[in-house]
Amino acid sequence: MTELRSSLLSWYANQGRSLPWRKTRDPYAIWVSEIMLQQTQVKTVIPYFERWMQQFPSIESFANADLQTVLKAWEGLGYYARARNFHRAAQQVLQEYEGQFPTNLETALKLPGIGRTTAGGILSAAFNQSLPILDGNVKRVLARIMALEVPPSRSMSQLWELSETLVDPEKGRDFNQALMDLGATVCTPKNPACLICPWRSHCKAYNRGIQSELPMSETRAPIPHKVIGVAVIWKDQKILIDRRKAEGLLGGLWEFPGGKVEPGETIEQCIQREIQEELGIEIEVGEHLITVDHTYTHFRVSLNVHHCQHVAGEPQAIECDEIRWVTLDQLPEFPFPKANIKIIEALKSSCSNG
């Protein structure tokens, strides 16, 4: 263990990445980075992190911000439940802990959106606590070093135990950062750079020549595909948008209304029916604007978008939280899901061309 720790820390001192959140010990800034890095790559997170810290430089400024402002700042990062949970957690820290992130693991774990890896990441990076972490990169490193013979999800207790045993008792901060860097830059999913790995001689997978086969992957069923009809509804040079209910996927974000195409239904029929059910209005479905394909974690969608004209009725928020008529120029003021951003770009392009 001593040799593994010292060789990794020595490698990190020379090869560790320079990342903006590593230049601070502010628990809030580190917390921001940890939440953003869940499910998202470092290169994507860096510009978001920097903008976020300018817009919300403290827990107070973030906790007191309006949720729509928060979602707009998060726009494009995906997995929006992270932003909603983070906002609730910041408000809790402000109210219950005088704006100070709790230094106790059990207390930190009670905050919305904070699991064991995130809590370990924050407490080790901000307070040098020697706590284990187990993100995707770390799972891969540990699965290889022990030549794990099952997919990681089937051996989580064993992986947590190894992570806990390995973490340096004096240098929790640097050790965990080093372990994540090793997975991100050397012990990569494909073509790991074993020849420059500080743990090569101790790695069972490398010594058996099976590093490229590990970690074992899960057998996954094909993900479902949903075909969606979407309406860009026009009335007096304005477009109708609605805000999704706060809970669930993309909760609190704005969108162009629509819904799933039923069997035997055309896109146009689907759009007319959905708008009647969701908003209680009649529309005339016009020309096709764009089809957007987007993949979420557990399913993928094809959004078939049509220009539509409002014909009759006053829109009602039957299946959403709020409705607004806005101009094309106002659309960027609202937080939209990533797939809808492409619709907005297509709208701008089609209006500028004619």
Foldseek 3Di string as FASTA:
>chain_A
DVLVQVLLLVCCVPPPDDAPLLVDLQLVLQLQQLLLPAVDDRVVCRVLSVVCCVQQVALVSLLPDDLQVQLLSCFPSFPCVSSVQSSQLSVCCCPPVVRHQDLDLVVNCVRGPDDQQSSLQSNCSNPVAQAFHDDPLLLLQQCQLVVPPAACVVPVVVSRVVRSVPGDRRGNNSSRSSSSRCSVPALDQAPGNLVPDSCNVSGPCNVVVNSNCPDPDDDDDDFAEFEKQFEQEDDPQWTKKFAADQDDGNHRFIAGDIGTDDPPGDSQRRRQVRQCQQWVFGKAWADWQDWFWADDDRHIYIYTYTYIYTDDDDTDRNRHDDMDIGHLVCVSVGRHHPRRVVVSVSVVVVVVVD
